[in-house]
Amino acid sequence: MADETNTPVAGTENATQNAEVDTSVKAQEESLKKNFPTLIGYLYMSDPDNTNPLWHHYVMPVFDEKAYEELPWHVYKERPSDDLVDPLYSVQKGGWIENAHDAQTQILAQAQMKIDALDKSKEQFDQTLKSVQENQSNGTAQTLALTKSIKALSEGQANQNKLLASMQTLMLQMASQKQATPAQPSTETTDTKQENGGN
């Protein structure tokens, strides 16, 4: 019976070996944070020549700010995107790239989504631009009509000013004519005095 308890069940050893371990950057960071609560950050190692995909984006804990000062070869401060299935740092491109060939369809789908979003934003921009142009055209027409009204009003005011000036001239002429003619005594008052007996 002792043999029965120590003997592994057939297939369990292979199942444990074949079980997929989540090697994503996020999973590695969570595991490190759980095991090392005093860490202050992460560095990311990328060895493109290693056949183990984990070493394409291995997360290393940082406990001291000095670790960020001089980075060893294949170690980077920049964090790979969670969208990448098998991130690999490309020195030529200066950033993390997708290394998994089966992830190309995912990358293409994401690129197509971005293109669709850009198309929608372009359509919205075009509609906004058209609306602004229509508003500007309406504003120009209103400004033109207002300018014409102001011109007509100012012309009318100029005509009114001319009329007032000619009326003033006429009034001045009438006043000067009245002052130029000698004042004659009123005949009515003289006649009335004679009728009353000379008083």
N, C-alpha and C. Protein backbone atom coordinates (compact mmCIF):
# COMPACT_ATOMS: atom_id res chain seq x y z
N MET A 1 0.80 -1.19 0.00
CA MET A 1 0.00 0.00 0.00
C MET A 1 0.85 1.25 0.00
N ALA A 2 2.03 1.17 0.56
CA ALA A 2 2.90 2.32 0.57
C ALA A 2 3.29 2.69 -0.85
N ASP A 3 3.42 1.71 -1.73
CA ASP A 3 3.76 2.00 -3.12
C ASP A 3 2.67 2.79 -3.82
N GLU A 4 1.43 2.51 -3.45
CA GLU A 4 0.30 3.17 -4.10
C GLU A 4 0.30 4.67 -3.83
N THR A 5 0.65 5.10 -2.64
CA THR A 5 0.60 6.52 -2.31
C THR A 5 1.76 7.28 -2.92
N ASN A 6 2.90 6.65 -3.13
CA ASN A 6 4.07 7.34 -3.68
C ASN A 6 4.13 7.30 -5.20
N THR A 7 3.36 6.44 -5.81
CA THR A 7 3.40 6.31 -7.25
C THR A 7 2.50 7.37 -7.87
N PRO A 8 3.05 8.19 -8.80
CA PRO A 8 2.21 9.21 -9.42
C PRO A 8 1.18 8.59 -10.34
N VAL A 9 0.10 9.26 -10.47
CA VAL A 9 -0.96 8.79 -11.36
C VAL A 9 -0.45 8.98 -12.78
N ALA A 10 -0.74 8.04 -13.63
CA ALA A 10 -0.24 8.10 -15.01
C ALA A 10 -0.80 9.33 -15.71
N GLY A 11 0.07 10.07 -16.35
CA GLY A 11 -0.34 11.23 -17.14
C GLY A 11 -0.34 12.54 -16.38
N THR A 12 -0.30 12.51 -15.03
CA THR A 12 -0.34 13.78 -14.29
C THR A 12 0.96 14.53 -14.43
N GLU A 13 2.07 13.82 -14.52
CA GLU A 13 3.36 14.49 -14.66
C GLU A 13 3.42 15.21 -16.00
N ASN A 14 2.98 14.56 -17.06
CA ASN A 14 2.97 15.19 -18.38
C ASN A 14 1.98 16.36 -18.42
N ALA A 15 0.85 16.24 -17.74
CA ALA A 15 -0.15 17.30 -17.73
C ALA A 15 0.42 18.54 -17.07
N THR A 16 1.18 18.35 -15.99
CA THR A 16 1.78 19.49 -15.31
C THR A 16 2.83 20.15 -16.20
N GLN A 17 3.61 19.34 -16.91
CA GLN A 17 4.64 19.89 -17.78
C GLN A 17 4.04 20.61 -18.98
N ASN A 18 2.93 20.11 -19.49
CA ASN A 18 2.32 20.67 -20.68
C ASN A 18 1.35 21.82 -20.38
N ALA A 19 1.04 22.02 -19.11
CA ALA A 19 0.10 23.10 -18.76
C ALA A 19 0.71 24.43 -19.17
N GLU A 20 -0.08 25.21 -19.86
CA GLU A 20 0.42 26.50 -20.32
C GLU A 20 0.49 27.47 -19.15
N VAL A 21 1.64 28.05 -19.00
CA VAL A 21 1.86 29.05 -17.96
C VAL A 21 1.73 30.41 -18.63
N ASP A 22 0.99 31.30 -18.01
CA ASP A 22 0.80 32.65 -18.57
C ASP A 22 2.10 33.42 -18.43
N THR A 23 2.77 33.65 -19.53
CA THR A 23 4.05 34.36 -19.51
C THR A 23 3.89 35.80 -19.96
N SER A 24 2.66 36.29 -19.98
CA SER A 24 2.46 37.68 -20.40
C SER A 24 3.13 38.63 -19.42
N VAL A 25 3.44 39.80 -19.90
CA VAL A 25 4.10 40.80 -19.07
C VAL A 25 3.23 41.12 -17.85
N LYS A 26 1.94 41.28 -18.08
CA LYS A 26 1.03 41.62 -16.99
C LYS A 26 1.04 40.53 -15.91
N ALA A 27 0.99 39.25 -16.33
CA ALA A 27 1.00 38.14 -15.37
C ALA A 27 2.32 38.11 -14.60
N GLN A 28 3.43 38.35 -15.28
CA GLN A 28 4.72 38.36 -14.59
C GLN A 28 4.78 39.51 -13.57
N GLU A 29 4.28 40.69 -13.95
CA GLU A 29 4.30 41.83 -13.02
C GLU A 29 3.44 41.55 -11.79
N GLU A 30 2.26 40.96 -12.01
CA GLU A 30 1.38 40.65 -10.88
C GLU A 30 2.03 39.65 -9.94
N SER A 31 2.68 38.63 -10.50
CA SER A 31 3.35 37.63 -9.68
C SER A 31 4.49 38.25 -8.87
N LEU A 32 5.29 39.11 -9.52
CA LEU A 32 6.40 39.76 -8.81
C LEU A 32 5.88 40.67 -7.70
N LYS A 33 4.82 41.42 -7.97
CA LYS A 33 4.27 42.33 -6.97
C LYS A 33 3.74 41.53 -5.76
N LYS A 34 3.16 40.39 -6.06
CA LYS A 34 2.63 39.54 -4.99
C LYS A 34 3.77 38.98 -4.14
N ASN A 35 4.85 38.55 -4.80
CA ASN A 35 5.97 37.93 -4.08
C ASN A 35 6.93 38.95 -3.48
N PHE A 36 7.00 40.14 -4.06
CA PHE A 36 7.92 41.17 -3.58
C PHE A 36 7.17 42.50 -3.42
N PRO A 37 6.44 42.67 -2.34
CA PRO A 37 5.62 43.88 -2.18
C PRO A 37 6.44 45.17 -2.07
N THR A 38 7.74 45.07 -1.81
CA THR A 38 8.56 46.28 -1.65
C THR A 38 9.18 46.77 -2.95
N LEU A 39 8.92 46.07 -4.05
CA LEU A 39 9.54 46.51 -5.30
C LEU A 39 8.99 47.87 -5.72
N ILE A 40 9.80 48.64 -6.45
CA ILE A 40 9.39 50.00 -6.84
C ILE A 40 9.10 50.11 -8.33
N GLY A 41 9.38 49.08 -9.08
CA GLY A 41 9.13 49.12 -10.52
C GLY A 41 9.65 47.88 -11.21
N TYR A 42 9.72 47.97 -12.54
CA TYR A 42 10.13 46.82 -13.33
C TYR A 42 11.09 47.25 -14.44
N LEU A 43 11.93 46.31 -14.84
CA LEU A 43 12.72 46.44 -16.05
C LEU A 43 12.35 45.24 -16.91
N TYR A 44 12.57 45.36 -18.21
CA TYR A 44 12.12 44.32 -19.13
C TYR A 44 13.30 43.86 -19.97
N MET A 45 13.57 42.55 -19.91
CA MET A 45 14.68 41.98 -20.66
C MET A 45 14.12 41.35 -21.93
N SER A 46 14.83 41.54 -23.02
CA SER A 46 14.40 40.96 -24.29
C SER A 46 15.60 40.36 -24.99
N ASP A 47 15.62 39.03 -25.04
CA ASP A 47 16.70 38.31 -25.72
C ASP A 47 16.12 37.66 -26.96
N PRO A 48 16.31 38.25 -28.13
CA PRO A 48 15.69 37.72 -29.34
C PRO A 48 16.27 36.38 -29.79
N ASP A 49 17.45 36.05 -29.32
CA ASP A 49 18.10 34.80 -29.76
C ASP A 49 17.69 33.59 -28.92
N ASN A 50 17.03 33.80 -27.80
CA ASN A 50 16.65 32.70 -26.93
C ASN A 50 15.42 32.00 -27.51
N THR A 51 15.43 30.69 -27.46
CA THR A 51 14.30 29.93 -28.02
C THR A 51 13.11 29.90 -27.07
N ASN A 52 13.34 30.19 -25.80
CA ASN A 52 12.24 30.23 -24.84
C ASN A 52 11.54 31.59 -24.96
N PRO A 53 10.26 31.61 -25.33
CA PRO A 53 9.55 32.88 -25.53
C PRO A 53 9.52 33.76 -24.28
N LEU A 54 9.64 33.18 -23.10
CA LEU A 54 9.64 33.97 -21.87
C LEU A 54 10.79 34.98 -21.89
N TRP A 55 11.92 34.59 -22.43
CA TRP A 55 13.09 35.47 -22.45
C TRP A 55 12.97 36.57 -23.50
N HIS A 56 11.94 36.51 -24.31
CA HIS A 56 11.70 37.60 -25.27
C HIS A 56 11.16 38.84 -24.55
N HIS A 57 10.53 38.61 -23.37
CA HIS A 57 9.92 39.71 -22.62
C HIS A 57 9.89 39.38 -21.12
N TYR A 58 11.06 39.10 -20.58
CA TYR A 58 11.19 38.72 -19.18
C TYR A 58 11.13 39.97 -18.29
N VAL A 59 10.28 39.92 -17.26
CA VAL A 59 10.10 41.06 -16.36
C VAL A 59 11.01 40.88 -15.15
N MET A 60 11.75 41.94 -14.83
CA MET A 60 12.67 41.90 -13.69
C MET A 60 12.22 42.94 -12.66
N PRO A 61 12.18 42.57 -11.37
CA PRO A 61 11.78 43.54 -10.35
C PRO A 61 12.89 44.56 -10.08
N VAL A 62 12.48 45.76 -9.70
CA VAL A 62 13.43 46.82 -9.35
C VAL A 62 13.15 47.23 -7.91
N PHE A 63 14.20 47.25 -7.10
CA PHE A 63 14.06 47.61 -5.70
C PHE A 63 14.75 48.92 -5.36
N ASP A 64 15.52 49.46 -6.31
CA ASP A 64 16.29 50.67 -6.05
C ASP A 64 16.32 51.52 -7.33
N GLU A 65 16.23 52.84 -7.18
CA GLU A 65 16.23 53.76 -8.33
C GLU A 65 17.53 53.66 -9.14
N LYS A 66 18.61 53.25 -8.52
CA LYS A 66 19.89 53.15 -9.22
C LYS A 66 19.84 52.13 -10.35
N ALA A 67 18.92 51.19 -10.26
CA ALA A 67 18.80 50.17 -11.30
C ALA A 67 18.43 50.78 -12.65
N TYR A 68 17.79 51.95 -12.62
CA TYR A 68 17.37 52.60 -13.87
C TYR A 68 18.50 53.41 -14.52
N GLU A 69 19.58 53.66 -13.78
CA GLU A 69 20.64 54.54 -14.27
C GLU A 69 21.44 53.92 -15.41
N GLU A 70 21.99 52.75 -15.22
CA GLU A 70 22.78 52.11 -16.26
C GLU A 70 22.19 50.73 -16.51
N LEU A 71 21.57 50.61 -17.66
CA LEU A 71 20.89 49.35 -17.99
C LEU A 71 21.83 48.43 -18.75
N PRO A 72 21.84 47.16 -18.36
CA PRO A 72 22.67 46.19 -19.10
C PRO A 72 22.08 45.92 -20.48
N TRP A 73 22.84 45.21 -21.28
CA TRP A 73 22.44 44.85 -22.63
C TRP A 73 21.15 44.05 -22.61
N HIS A 74 20.24 44.35 -23.50
CA HIS A 74 18.94 43.68 -23.66
C HIS A 74 17.95 44.01 -22.54
N VAL A 75 18.21 45.04 -21.74
CA VAL A 75 17.29 45.41 -20.67
C VAL A 75 16.77 46.82 -20.96
N TYR A 76 15.44 47.01 -20.84
CA TYR A 76 14.80 48.26 -21.24
C TYR A 76 13.82 48.73 -20.17
N LYS A 77 13.66 50.05 -20.08
CA LYS A 77 12.69 50.64 -19.15
C LYS A 77 11.28 50.57 -19.72
N GLU A 78 11.19 50.70 -21.02
CA GLU A 78 9.88 50.76 -21.69
C GLU A 78 9.13 49.43 -21.53
N ARG A 79 7.87 49.54 -21.16
CA ARG A 79 7.03 48.36 -20.95
C ARG A 79 6.39 47.94 -22.27
N PRO A 80 6.40 46.63 -22.57
CA PRO A 80 5.71 46.19 -23.79
C PRO A 80 4.20 46.31 -23.63
N SER A 81 3.52 46.50 -24.73
CA SER A 81 2.07 46.63 -24.73
C SER A 81 1.42 45.29 -24.40
N ASP A 82 0.29 45.34 -23.71
CA ASP A 82 -0.44 44.11 -23.39
C ASP A 82 -1.07 43.50 -24.63
N ASP A 83 -1.16 44.25 -25.71
CA ASP A 83 -1.75 43.74 -26.95
C ASP A 83 -0.83 42.75 -27.65
N LEU A 84 0.46 42.79 -27.34
CA LEU A 84 1.42 41.91 -28.00
C LEU A 84 1.40 40.52 -27.36
N VAL A 85 1.30 39.47 -28.20
CA VAL A 85 1.26 38.10 -27.71
C VAL A 85 2.65 37.66 -27.27
N ASP A 86 3.65 37.87 -28.12
CA ASP A 86 5.03 37.51 -27.81
C ASP A 86 5.91 38.74 -28.08
N PRO A 87 5.93 39.71 -27.15
CA PRO A 87 6.69 40.93 -27.40
C PRO A 87 8.19 40.67 -27.47
N LEU A 88 8.82 41.41 -28.37
CA LEU A 88 10.26 41.33 -28.56
C LEU A 88 10.74 42.74 -28.82
N TYR A 89 11.82 43.14 -28.15
CA TYR A 89 12.31 44.51 -28.34
C TYR A 89 13.13 44.58 -29.63
N SER A 90 12.81 45.56 -30.47
CA SER A 90 13.54 45.77 -31.72
C SER A 90 14.38 47.03 -31.57
N VAL A 91 15.69 46.86 -31.62
CA VAL A 91 16.59 48.01 -31.52
C VAL A 91 16.44 48.89 -32.76
N GLN A 92 16.22 48.25 -33.92
CA GLN A 92 16.05 49.00 -35.17
C GLN A 92 14.83 49.92 -35.11
N LYS A 93 13.73 49.40 -34.58
CA LYS A 93 12.50 50.19 -34.51
C LYS A 93 12.42 51.02 -33.24
N GLY A 94 13.27 50.73 -32.30
CA GLY A 94 13.30 51.50 -31.05
C GLY A 94 12.09 51.25 -30.17
N GLY A 95 11.58 50.04 -30.18
CA GLY A 95 10.43 49.71 -29.35
C GLY A 95 10.07 48.24 -29.45
N TRP A 96 9.01 47.88 -28.75
CA TRP A 96 8.56 46.50 -28.70
C TRP A 96 7.75 46.18 -29.94
N ILE A 97 7.99 44.99 -30.50
CA ILE A 97 7.26 44.53 -31.68
C ILE A 97 6.67 43.16 -31.40
N GLU A 98 5.78 42.71 -32.26
CA GLU A 98 5.17 41.39 -32.12
C GLU A 98 6.09 40.36 -32.75
N ASN A 99 6.39 39.30 -32.01
CA ASN A 99 7.25 38.24 -32.51
C ASN A 99 6.45 37.02 -32.94
N ALA A 100 5.26 36.86 -32.42
CA ALA A 100 4.44 35.69 -32.74
C ALA A 100 3.87 35.82 -34.14
N HIS A 101 4.15 34.83 -34.97
CA HIS A 101 3.67 34.88 -36.35
C HIS A 101 2.16 34.65 -36.42
N ASP A 102 1.63 33.88 -35.49
CA ASP A 102 0.18 33.65 -35.49
C ASP A 102 -0.59 34.85 -34.97
N ALA A 103 0.09 35.84 -34.45
CA ALA A 103 -0.58 37.05 -33.95
C ALA A 103 -0.73 38.11 -35.04
N GLN A 104 -0.25 37.82 -36.24
CA GLN A 104 -0.32 38.79 -37.33
C GLN A 104 -1.77 39.13 -37.67
N THR A 105 -2.66 38.15 -37.62
CA THR A 105 -4.07 38.44 -37.91
C THR A 105 -4.64 39.37 -36.85
N GLN A 106 -4.23 39.17 -35.61
CA GLN A 106 -4.68 40.06 -34.53
C GLN A 106 -4.16 41.48 -34.77
N ILE A 107 -2.92 41.59 -35.18
CA ILE A 107 -2.33 42.90 -35.46
C ILE A 107 -3.06 43.57 -36.62
N LEU A 108 -3.33 42.79 -37.67
CA LEU A 108 -4.06 43.34 -38.81
C LEU A 108 -5.47 43.78 -38.42
N ALA A 109 -6.12 42.99 -37.57
CA ALA A 109 -7.47 43.36 -37.13
C ALA A 109 -7.44 44.65 -36.32
N GLN A 110 -6.44 44.79 -35.46
CA GLN A 110 -6.31 46.03 -34.68
C GLN A 110 -6.00 47.22 -35.58
N ALA A 111 -5.15 47.00 -36.58
CA ALA A 111 -4.84 48.07 -37.52
C ALA A 111 -6.08 48.47 -38.30
N GLN A 112 -6.89 47.48 -38.70
CA GLN A 112 -8.13 47.78 -39.43
C GLN A 112 -9.10 48.55 -38.55
N MET A 113 -9.16 48.20 -37.27
CA MET A 113 -10.04 48.94 -36.34
C MET A 113 -9.57 50.39 -36.23
N LYS A 114 -8.27 50.61 -36.17
CA LYS A 114 -7.74 51.96 -36.09
C LYS A 114 -8.04 52.74 -37.37
N ILE A 115 -7.93 52.06 -38.51
CA ILE A 115 -8.24 52.70 -39.79
C ILE A 115 -9.71 53.09 -39.84
N ASP A 116 -10.58 52.16 -39.39
CA ASP A 116 -12.02 52.47 -39.37
C ASP A 116 -12.33 53.65 -38.45
N ALA A 117 -11.67 53.68 -37.30
CA ALA A 117 -11.87 54.80 -36.37
C ALA A 117 -11.40 56.10 -36.99
N LEU A 118 -10.28 56.06 -37.70
CA LEU A 118 -9.78 57.26 -38.38
C LEU A 118 -10.74 57.70 -39.47
N ASP A 119 -11.31 56.73 -40.21
CA ASP A 119 -12.28 57.07 -41.25
C ASP A 119 -13.50 57.76 -40.65
N LYS A 120 -14.00 57.22 -39.52
CA LYS A 120 -15.15 57.83 -38.87
C LYS A 120 -14.83 59.24 -38.39
N SER A 121 -13.66 59.40 -37.80
CA SER A 121 -13.29 60.74 -37.31
C SER A 121 -13.10 61.70 -38.48
N LYS A 122 -12.61 61.19 -39.63
CA LYS A 122 -12.47 62.03 -40.82
C LYS A 122 -13.84 62.46 -41.32
N GLU A 123 -14.80 61.52 -41.33
CA GLU A 123 -16.16 61.87 -41.75
C GLU A 123 -16.76 62.93 -40.83
N GLN A 124 -16.57 62.76 -39.53
CA GLN A 124 -17.07 63.75 -38.57
C GLN A 124 -16.39 65.09 -38.79
N PHE A 125 -15.10 65.07 -39.05
CA PHE A 125 -14.37 66.31 -39.30
C PHE A 125 -14.90 66.98 -40.57
N ASP A 126 -15.14 66.17 -41.63
CA ASP A 126 -15.65 66.73 -42.87
C ASP A 126 -17.03 67.36 -42.66
N GLN A 127 -17.89 66.70 -41.87
CA GLN A 127 -19.21 67.26 -41.59
C GLN A 127 -19.09 68.55 -40.79
N THR A 128 -18.20 68.56 -39.83
CA THR A 128 -18.00 69.77 -39.03
C THR A 128 -17.47 70.90 -39.90
N LEU A 129 -16.52 70.58 -40.77
CA LEU A 129 -15.96 71.58 -41.67
C LEU A 129 -17.04 72.13 -42.60
N LYS A 130 -17.89 71.26 -43.13
CA LYS A 130 -18.98 71.69 -44.02
C LYS A 130 -19.93 72.61 -43.26
N SER A 131 -20.25 72.24 -42.04
CA SER A 131 -21.14 73.06 -41.21
C SER A 131 -20.52 74.43 -40.94
N VAL A 132 -19.22 74.44 -40.65
CA VAL A 132 -18.53 75.72 -40.39
C VAL A 132 -18.53 76.57 -41.65
N GLN A 133 -18.31 75.94 -42.80
CA GLN A 133 -18.31 76.70 -44.06
C GLN A 133 -19.69 77.27 -44.34
N GLU A 134 -20.75 76.48 -44.08
CA GLU A 134 -22.11 76.99 -44.28
C GLU A 134 -22.40 78.15 -43.34
N ASN A 135 -22.01 78.01 -42.10
CA ASN A 135 -22.21 79.09 -41.12
C ASN A 135 -21.43 80.33 -41.53
N GLN A 136 -20.23 80.13 -42.05
CA GLN A 136 -19.41 81.26 -42.48
C GLN A 136 -20.06 81.94 -43.69
N SER A 137 -20.61 81.14 -44.60
CA SER A 137 -21.28 81.69 -45.77
C SER A 137 -22.52 82.49 -45.35
N ASN A 138 -23.30 81.91 -44.43
CA ASN A 138 -24.48 82.63 -43.91
C ASN A 138 -24.06 83.91 -43.20
N GLY A 139 -23.00 83.83 -42.43
CA GLY A 139 -22.50 85.01 -41.72
C GLY A 139 -22.05 86.09 -42.69
N THR A 140 -21.41 85.67 -43.79
CA THR A 140 -20.97 86.63 -44.80
C THR A 140 -22.17 87.30 -45.46
N ALA A 141 -23.20 86.51 -45.77
CA ALA A 141 -24.41 87.08 -46.39
C ALA A 141 -25.08 88.06 -45.43
N GLN A 142 -25.15 87.71 -44.15
CA GLN A 142 -25.75 88.61 -43.16
C GLN A 142 -24.92 89.88 -43.01
N THR A 143 -23.61 89.73 -43.02
CA THR A 143 -22.74 90.90 -42.92
C THR A 143 -22.92 91.82 -44.12
N LEU A 144 -23.06 91.22 -45.31
CA LEU A 144 -23.27 92.01 -46.53
C LEU A 144 -24.59 92.76 -46.46
N ALA A 145 -25.64 92.06 -46.01
CA ALA A 145 -26.95 92.73 -45.89
C ALA A 145 -26.88 93.84 -44.85
N LEU A 146 -26.21 93.62 -43.76
CA LEU A 146 -26.07 94.63 -42.72
C LEU A 146 -25.27 95.82 -43.24
N THR A 147 -24.23 95.54 -44.00
CA THR A 147 -23.42 96.62 -44.57
C THR A 147 -24.26 97.48 -45.52
N LYS A 148 -25.10 96.83 -46.35
CA LYS A 148 -25.98 97.57 -47.26
C LYS A 148 -26.96 98.43 -46.48
N SER A 149 -27.52 97.86 -45.41
CA SER A 149 -28.48 98.61 -44.58
C SER A 149 -27.80 99.82 -43.94
N ILE A 150 -26.60 99.62 -43.43
CA ILE A 150 -25.86 100.73 -42.81
C ILE A 150 -25.54 101.79 -43.85
N LYS A 151 -25.18 101.37 -45.06
CA LYS A 151 -24.87 102.31 -46.13
C LYS A 151 -26.13 103.13 -46.48
N ALA A 152 -27.26 102.44 -46.61
CA ALA A 152 -28.51 103.14 -46.92
C ALA A 152 -28.87 104.09 -45.80
N LEU A 153 -28.68 103.66 -44.56
CA LEU A 153 -28.98 104.50 -43.41
C LEU A 153 -28.08 105.73 -43.39
N SER A 154 -26.80 105.51 -43.66
CA SER A 154 -25.87 106.65 -43.65
C SER A 154 -26.18 107.60 -44.81
N GLU A 155 -26.59 107.05 -45.98
CA GLU A 155 -26.97 107.92 -47.09
C GLU A 155 -28.22 108.72 -46.73
N GLY A 156 -29.18 108.04 -46.08
CA GLY A 156 -30.39 108.73 -45.64
C GLY A 156 -30.06 109.81 -44.62
N GLN A 157 -29.16 109.52 -43.74
CA GLN A 157 -28.75 110.50 -42.73
C GLN A 157 -28.03 111.66 -43.40
N ALA A 158 -27.23 111.37 -44.43
CA ALA A 158 -26.53 112.44 -45.15
C ALA A 158 -27.55 113.34 -45.85
N ASN A 159 -28.56 112.72 -46.45
CA ASN A 159 -29.62 113.52 -47.10
C ASN A 159 -30.37 114.36 -46.07
N GLN A 160 -30.63 113.78 -44.91
CA GLN A 160 -31.32 114.51 -43.85
C GLN A 160 -30.47 115.69 -43.37
N ASN A 161 -29.16 115.45 -43.27
CA ASN A 161 -28.25 116.52 -42.86
C ASN A 161 -28.24 117.65 -43.90
N LYS A 162 -28.28 117.28 -45.20
CA LYS A 162 -28.34 118.29 -46.26
C LYS A 162 -29.63 119.10 -46.16
N LEU A 163 -30.73 118.40 -45.90
CA LEU A 163 -32.02 119.08 -45.77
C LEU A 163 -32.00 120.03 -44.59
N LEU A 164 -31.46 119.58 -43.47
CA LEU A 164 -31.38 120.45 -42.30
C LEU A 164 -30.48 121.66 -42.58
N ALA A 165 -29.38 121.43 -43.28
CA ALA A 165 -28.48 122.54 -43.61
C ALA A 165 -29.18 123.55 -44.51
N SER A 166 -29.93 123.06 -45.50
CA SER A 166 -30.63 124.00 -46.39
C SER A 166 -31.75 124.72 -45.65
N MET A 167 -32.39 124.01 -44.68
CA MET A 167 -33.43 124.67 -43.88
C MET A 167 -32.80 125.74 -43.01
N GLN A 168 -31.65 125.49 -42.46
CA GLN A 168 -30.97 126.50 -41.64
C GLN A 168 -30.59 127.70 -42.50
N THR A 169 -30.09 127.42 -43.69
CA THR A 169 -29.73 128.52 -44.60
C THR A 169 -30.96 129.35 -44.94
N LEU A 170 -32.05 128.68 -45.23
CA LEU A 170 -33.29 129.38 -45.55
C LEU A 170 -33.77 130.20 -44.36
N MET A 171 -33.71 129.64 -43.16
CA MET A 171 -34.14 130.36 -41.95
C MET A 171 -33.24 131.58 -41.73
N LEU A 172 -31.96 131.43 -41.95
CA LEU A 172 -31.03 132.55 -41.79
C LEU A 172 -31.34 133.65 -42.81
N GLN A 173 -31.62 133.20 -44.05
CA GLN A 173 -31.97 134.18 -45.09
C GLN A 173 -33.25 134.92 -44.71
N MET A 174 -34.23 134.20 -44.21
CA MET A 174 -35.50 134.83 -43.82
C MET A 174 -35.27 135.79 -42.66
N ALA A 175 -34.45 135.38 -41.72
CA ALA A 175 -34.19 136.25 -40.58
C ALA A 175 -33.44 137.50 -41.00
N SER A 176 -32.51 137.35 -41.92
CA SER A 176 -31.76 138.53 -42.36
C SER A 176 -32.63 139.45 -43.20
N GLN A 177 -33.56 138.91 -43.96
CA GLN A 177 -34.49 139.75 -44.73
C GLN A 177 -35.41 140.51 -43.80
N LYS A 178 -35.82 139.90 -42.76
CA LYS A 178 -36.72 140.55 -41.81
C LYS A 178 -36.01 141.69 -41.11
N GLN A 179 -34.74 141.49 -40.80
CA GLN A 179 -33.98 142.55 -40.14
C GLN A 179 -33.63 143.67 -41.13
N ALA A 180 -33.49 143.35 -42.41
CA ALA A 180 -33.13 144.36 -43.40
C ALA A 180 -34.32 145.27 -43.74
N THR A 181 -35.52 144.84 -43.69
CA THR A 181 -36.67 145.70 -43.97
C THR A 181 -36.96 146.55 -42.76
N PRO A 182 -37.21 147.94 -42.96
CA PRO A 182 -37.48 148.82 -41.82
C PRO A 182 -38.84 148.50 -41.23
N ALA A 183 -38.92 148.72 -39.99
CA ALA A 183 -40.16 148.45 -39.27
C ALA A 183 -41.14 149.59 -39.51
N GLN A 184 -42.31 149.32 -40.05
CA GLN A 184 -43.34 150.33 -40.27
C GLN A 184 -44.34 150.23 -39.14
N PRO A 185 -44.81 151.41 -38.69
CA PRO A 185 -45.80 151.34 -37.62
C PRO A 185 -47.06 150.68 -38.12
N SER A 186 -47.66 150.03 -37.27
CA SER A 186 -48.87 149.32 -37.60
C SER A 186 -50.00 150.32 -37.79
N THR A 187 -50.68 150.21 -38.87
CA THR A 187 -51.77 151.12 -39.18
C THR A 187 -52.96 150.84 -38.30
N GLU A 188 -53.09 149.71 -37.84
CA GLU A 188 -54.25 149.35 -37.03
C GLU A 188 -54.22 150.08 -35.71
N THR A 189 -53.08 150.20 -35.11
CA THR A 189 -53.02 150.89 -33.83
C THR A 189 -53.28 152.38 -34.00
N THR A 190 -52.86 153.00 -35.10
CA THR A 190 -53.11 154.42 -35.30
C THR A 190 -54.59 154.66 -35.54
N ASP A 191 -55.18 153.86 -36.34
CA ASP A 191 -56.61 154.03 -36.62
C ASP A 191 -57.43 153.86 -35.37
N THR A 192 -57.07 152.95 -34.53
CA THR A 192 -57.83 152.70 -33.32
C THR A 192 -57.73 153.89 -32.39
N LYS A 193 -56.58 154.55 -32.37
CA LYS A 193 -56.41 155.70 -31.49
C LYS A 193 -57.30 156.85 -31.95
N GLN A 194 -57.44 157.03 -33.25
CA GLN A 194 -58.26 158.12 -33.75
C GLN A 194 -59.72 157.86 -33.45
N GLU A 195 -60.11 156.65 -33.51
CA GLU A 195 -61.51 156.34 -33.23
C GLU A 195 -61.82 156.57 -31.77
N ASN A 196 -60.91 156.36 -30.90
CA ASN A 196 -61.15 156.52 -29.48
C ASN A 196 -60.95 157.95 -29.04
N GLY A 197 -60.74 158.78 -29.92
CA GLY A 197 -60.62 160.17 -29.57
C GLY A 197 -59.20 160.58 -29.34
N GLY A 198 -58.30 159.96 -29.90
CA GLY A 198 -56.92 160.35 -29.82
C GLY A 198 -56.22 159.84 -28.62
N ASN A 199 -56.80 159.04 -27.85
CA ASN A 199 -56.09 158.51 -26.68
C ASN A 199 -55.30 157.37 -27.01
